């Protein structure tokens, strides 16, 4: 008798559970992530044309501006709202990295600067940095070996 109740409860849960809108959520993430990247490209193009920066410097300054904008929007609470709407579309660009660093810093500021902000900020972002360094080493090695 107890198993019958459990099965009935599970069936009721499955029937009332909201359906995931995978295609719609994917489209939202793709669109918002694309808009963030489009904004970055517009900034880089403006830096090249208006300030006559070379390609490498314009890219570096453009990335710095996007990191600043991501941190600013996180501090103002706007980036989290965009993230709730777009999901993974806000995590993938460089602004998502800035968001994770800034969020960790804001959450731990009451613990002090050294033990709070700096420690927690790099706990979150440390794995991203490690994966980036290891990936760069592996692909750099492969590229070097293929040239020989």
C-alpha atoms as a PDB file:
ATOM      1  CA  UNK A   1       0.000   0.000   0.000  1.00  0.00           C
ATOM      2  CA  UNK A   2       2.848   2.359   0.813  1.00  0.00           C
ATOM      3  CA  UNK A   3       4.402   1.858  -2.647  1.00  0.00           C
ATOM      4  CA  UNK A   4       1.087   2.744  -4.291  1.00  0.00           C
ATOM      5  CA  UNK A   5       1.036   6.085  -2.455  1.00  0.00           C
ATOM      6  CA  UNK A   6       4.640   6.809  -3.418  1.00  0.00           C
ATOM      7  CA  UNK A   7       3.897   6.033  -7.059  1.00  0.00           C
ATOM      8  CA  UNK A   8       0.810   8.251  -6.994  1.00  0.00           C
ATOM      9  CA  UNK A   9       2.809  11.087  -5.461  1.00  0.00           C
ATOM     10  CA  UNK A  10       5.566  10.711  -8.064  1.00  0.00           C
ATOM     11  CA  UNK A  11       3.005  10.672 -10.860  1.00  0.00           C
ATOM     12  CA  UNK A  12       1.384  13.841  -9.496  1.00  0.00           C
ATOM     13  CA  UNK A  13       4.802  15.507  -9.253  1.00  0.00           C
ATOM     14  CA  UNK A  14       5.609  14.659 -12.860  1.00  0.00           C
ATOM     15  CA  UNK A  15       2.254  15.955 -14.086  1.00  0.00           C
ATOM     16  CA  UNK A  16       2.532  19.280 -12.239  1.00  0.00           C
ATOM     17  CA  UNK A  17       6.228  19.808 -12.888  1.00  0.00           C
ATOM     18  CA  UNK A  18       6.722  22.694 -15.339  1.00  0.00           C
ATOM     19  CA  UNK A  19       8.113  21.737 -18.723  1.00  0.00           C
ATOM     20  CA  UNK A  20      11.555  23.068 -19.571  1.00  0.00           C
ATOM     21  CA  UNK A  21      11.601  25.326 -22.605  1.00  0.00           C
ATOM     22  CA  UNK A  22      14.974  24.176 -23.907  1.00  0.00           C
ATOM     23  CA  UNK A  23      14.720  25.673 -27.397  1.00  0.00           C
ATOM     24  CA  UNK A  24      13.421  29.019 -26.129  1.00  0.00           C
ATOM     25  CA  UNK A  25      16.058  29.227 -23.379  1.00  0.00           C
ATOM     26  CA  UNK A  26      18.789  28.332 -25.863  1.00  0.00           C
ATOM     27  CA  UNK A  27      17.595  31.049 -28.237  1.00  0.00           C
ATOM     28  CA  UNK A  28      17.557  33.629 -25.411  1.00  0.00           C
ATOM     29  CA  UNK A  29      21.070  32.659 -24.317  1.00  0.00           C
ATOM     30  CA  UNK A  30      22.351  32.776 -27.896  1.00  0.00           C
ATOM     31  CA  UNK A  31      20.744  36.163 -28.557  1.00  0.00           C
ATOM     32  CA  UNK A  32      21.918  37.870 -25.349  1.00  0.00           C
ATOM     33  CA  UNK A  33      25.421  36.394 -25.592  1.00  0.00           C
ATOM     34  CA  UNK A  34      25.559  37.546 -29.197  1.00  0.00           C
ATOM     35  CA  UNK A  35      24.444  41.049 -28.222  1.00  0.00           C
ATOM     36  CA  UNK A  36      27.191  41.239 -25.590  1.00  0.00           C
ATOM     37  CA  UNK A  37      29.750  40.166 -28.191  1.00  0.00           C
ATOM     38  CA  UNK A  38      28.295  42.619 -30.711  1.00  0.00           C
ATOM     39  CA  UNK A  39      28.685  45.442 -28.183  1.00  0.00           C
ATOM     40  CA  UNK A  40      32.308  44.412 -27.633  1.00  0.00           C
ATOM     41  CA  UNK A  41      32.950  44.397 -31.384  1.00  0.00           C
ATOM     42  CA  UNK A  42      31.374  47.849 -31.771  1.00  0.00           C
ATOM     43  CA  UNK A  43      33.599  49.179 -28.976  1.00  0.00           C
ATOM     44  CA  UNK A  44      36.682  47.668 -30.641  1.00  0.00           C
ATOM     45  CA  UNK A  45      35.719  49.127 -34.036  1.00  0.00           C
ATOM     46  CA  UNK A  46      35.213  52.573 -32.477  1.00  0.00           C
ATOM     47  CA  UNK A  47      38.618  52.326 -30.794  1.00  0.00           C
ATOM     48  CA  UNK A  48      40.227  51.456 -34.134  1.00  0.00           C
ATOM     49  CA  UNK A  49      38.518  54.146 -36.198  1.00  0.00           C
ATOM     50  CA  UNK A  50      38.075  57.059 -33.810  1.00  0.00           C
ATOM     51  CA  UNK A  51      41.234  56.667 -31.743  1.00  0.00           C
ATOM     52  CA  UNK A  52      43.336  55.099 -34.515  1.00  0.00           C
ATOM     53  CA  UNK A  53      44.544  52.235 -32.329  1.00  0.00           C
ATOM     54  CA  UNK A  54      46.171  49.232 -33.940  1.00  0.00           C
ATOM     55  CA  UNK A  55      44.331  45.918 -33.888  1.00  0.00           C
ATOM     56  CA  UNK A  56      46.116  44.390 -30.882  1.00  0.00           C
ATOM     57  CA  UNK A  57      45.792  47.469 -28.670  1.00  0.00           C
ATOM     58  CA  UNK A  58      42.154  48.031 -29.637  1.00  0.00           C
ATOM     59  CA  UNK A  59      41.339  44.422 -28.727  1.00  0.00           C
ATOM     60  CA  UNK A  60      43.066  44.744 -25.354  1.00  0.00           C
ATOM     61  CA  UNK A  61      41.352  48.017 -24.505  1.00  0.00           C
ATOM     62  CA  UNK A  62      38.019  46.629 -25.711  1.00  0.00           C
ATOM     63  CA  UNK A  63      38.334  43.619 -23.410  1.00  0.00           C
ATOM     64  CA  UNK A  64      39.233  45.913 -20.499  1.00  0.00           C
ATOM     65  CA  UNK A  65      36.162  48.053 -21.195  1.00  0.00           C
ATOM     66  CA  UNK A  66      33.918  44.972 -21.318  1.00  0.00           C
ATOM     67  CA  UNK A  67      35.340  43.701 -18.010  1.00  0.00           C
ATOM     68  CA  UNK A  68      34.698  47.134 -16.496  1.00  0.00           C
ATOM     69  CA  UNK A  69      31.134  47.198 -17.832  1.00  0.00           C
ATOM     70  CA  UNK A  70      30.478  43.681 -16.535  1.00  0.00           C
ATOM     71  CA  UNK A  71      31.769  44.630 -13.088  1.00  0.00           C
ATOM     72  CA  UNK A  72      29.830  47.889 -13.054  1.00  0.00           C
ATOM     73  CA  UNK A  73      26.574  46.216 -14.061  1.00  0.00           C
ATOM     74  CA  UNK A  74      27.149  43.533 -11.412  1.00  0.00           C
ATOM     75  CA  UNK A  75      27.724  46.168  -8.749  1.00  0.00           C
ATOM     76  CA  UNK A  76      24.513  47.935  -9.752  1.00  0.00           C
ATOM     77  CA  UNK A  77      22.565  44.651  -9.700  1.00  0.00           C
ATOM     78  CA  UNK A  78      21.711  44.821 -13.402  1.00  0.00           C
ATOM     79  CA  UNK A  79      23.907  41.964 -14.634  1.00  0.00           C
ATOM     80  CA  UNK A  80      22.155  39.473 -12.348  1.00  0.00           C
ATOM     81  CA  UNK A  81      18.783  40.414 -13.848  1.00  0.00           C
ATOM     82  CA  UNK A  82      20.181  39.990 -17.347  1.00  0.00           C
ATOM     83  CA  UNK A  83      21.626  36.643 -16.250  1.00  0.00           C
ATOM     84  CA  UNK A  84      18.289  35.457 -14.903  1.00  0.00           C
ATOM     85  CA  UNK A  85      16.706  36.253 -18.247  1.00  0.00           C
ATOM     86  CA  UNK A  86      19.455  34.941 -20.531  1.00  0.00           C
ATOM     87  CA  UNK A  87      21.024  32.128 -18.527  1.00  0.00           C
ATOM     88  CA  UNK A  88      24.273  30.850 -20.022  1.00  0.00           C
ATOM     89  CA  UNK A  89      24.345  33.667 -22.575  1.00  0.00           C
ATOM     90  CA  UNK A  90      25.786  35.984 -19.935  1.00  0.00           C
ATOM     91  CA  UNK A  91      28.337  33.510 -18.572  1.00  0.00           C
ATOM     92  CA  UNK A  92      30.257  32.749 -21.748  1.00  0.00           C
ATOM     93  CA  UNK A  93      31.549  36.245 -22.708  1.00  0.00           C
ATOM     94  CA  UNK A  94      34.340  37.928 -20.711  1.00  0.00           C
ATOM     95  CA  UNK A  95      31.677  39.900 -18.851  1.00  0.00           C
ATOM     96  CA  UNK A  96      30.617  36.645 -17.174  1.00  0.00           C
ATOM     97  CA  UNK A  97      34.125  36.270 -15.754  1.00  0.00           C
ATOM     98  CA  UNK A  98      33.985  39.859 -14.493  1.00  0.00           C
ATOM     99  CA  UNK A  99      30.580  39.120 -12.977  1.00  0.00           C
ATOM    100  CA  UNK A 100      31.878  36.097 -11.060  1.00  0.00           C
ATOM    101  CA  UNK A 101      34.861  38.027  -9.693  1.00  0.00           C
ATOM    102  CA  UNK A 102      32.810  41.077  -8.719  1.00  0.00           C
ATOM    103  CA  UNK A 103      30.006  39.040  -7.146  1.00  0.00           C
ATOM    104  CA  UNK A 104      32.485  37.128  -4.993  1.00  0.00           C
ATOM    105  CA  UNK A 105      34.162  40.373  -3.955  1.00  0.00           C
ATOM    106  CA  UNK A 106      30.865  42.039  -3.036  1.00  0.00           C
ATOM    107  CA  UNK A 107      29.636  39.030  -1.045  1.00  0.00           C
ATOM    108  CA  UNK A 108      32.794  38.790   1.044  1.00  0.00           C
ATOM    109  CA  UNK A 109      33.612  42.455   1.640  1.00  0.00           C
ATOM    110  CA  UNK A 110      32.402  42.236   5.266  1.00  0.00           C
ATOM    111  CA  UNK A 111      35.208  39.750   6.023  1.00  0.00           C
ATOM    112  CA  UNK A 112      37.915  42.297   5.209  1.00  0.00           C
ATOM    113  CA  UNK A 113      39.968  43.066   2.153  1.00  0.00           C
ATOM    114  CA  UNK A 114      42.719  40.453   2.390  1.00  0.00           C
ATOM    115  CA  UNK A 115      40.922  37.463   3.923  1.00  0.00           C
ATOM    116  CA  UNK A 116      37.534  38.321   2.492  1.00  0.00           C
ATOM    117  CA  UNK A 117      37.620  40.004  -0.877  1.00  0.00           C
ATOM    118  CA  UNK A 118      40.915  38.759  -2.316  1.00  0.00           C
ATOM    119  CA  UNK A 119      40.586  35.195  -1.050  1.00  0.00           C
ATOM    120  CA  UNK A 120      36.995  34.598  -2.125  1.00  0.00           C
ATOM    121  CA  UNK A 121      37.379  36.446  -5.394  1.00  0.00           C
ATOM    122  CA  UNK A 122      40.078  34.058  -6.569  1.00  0.00           C
ATOM    123  CA  UNK A 123      38.372  30.956  -5.157  1.00  0.00           C
ATOM    124  CA  UNK A 124      35.659  31.493  -7.736  1.00  0.00           C
ATOM    125  CA  UNK A 125      37.884  32.590 -10.593  1.00  0.00           C
ATOM    126  CA  UNK A 126      40.870  30.375  -9.821  1.00  0.00           C
ATOM    127  CA  UNK A 127      39.480  27.377 -11.659  1.00  0.00           C
ATOM    128  CA  UNK A 128      38.875  29.494 -14.757  1.00  0.00           C
ATOM    129  CA  UNK A 129      42.458  30.761 -14.673  1.00  0.00           C
ATOM    130  CA  UNK A 130      43.880  27.251 -14.176  1.00  0.00           C
ATOM    131  CA  UNK A 131      41.845  25.815 -17.063  1.00  0.00           C
ATOM    132  CA  UNK A 132      42.943  28.722 -19.264  1.00  0.00           C
ATOM    133  CA  UNK A 133      46.636  28.247 -18.474  1.00  0.00           C
ATOM    134  CA  UNK A 134      46.521  24.466 -18.924  1.00  0.00           C
ATOM    135  CA  UNK A 135      44.576  24.779 -22.193  1.00  0.00           C
ATOM    136  CA  UNK A 136      47.033  27.366 -23.502  1.00  0.00           C
ATOM    137  CA  UNK A 137      49.941  25.074 -22.643  1.00  0.00           C
ATOM    138  CA  UNK A 138      48.365  22.035 -24.313  1.00  0.00           C
ATOM    139  CA  UNK A 139      47.332  23.854 -27.491  1.00  0.00           C
ATOM    140  CA  UNK A 140      50.636  25.728 -27.631  1.00  0.00           C
ATOM    141  CA  UNK A 141      52.510  22.441 -27.404  1.00  0.00           C
ATOM    142  CA  UNK A 142      50.350  20.870 -30.123  1.00  0.00           C
ATOM    143  CA  UNK A 143      50.859  23.885 -32.356  1.00  0.00           C
ATOM    144  CA  UNK A 144      54.617  23.785 -31.787  1.00  0.00           C
ATOM    145  CA  UNK A 145      54.809  20.067 -32.553  1.00  0.00           C
ATOM    146  CA  UNK A 146      52.765  20.406 -35.744  1.00  0.00           C
ATOM    147  CA  UNK A 147      55.110  23.112 -37.062  1.00  0.00           C
ATOM    148  CA  UNK A 148      58.144  20.813 -36.795  1.00  0.00           C
END
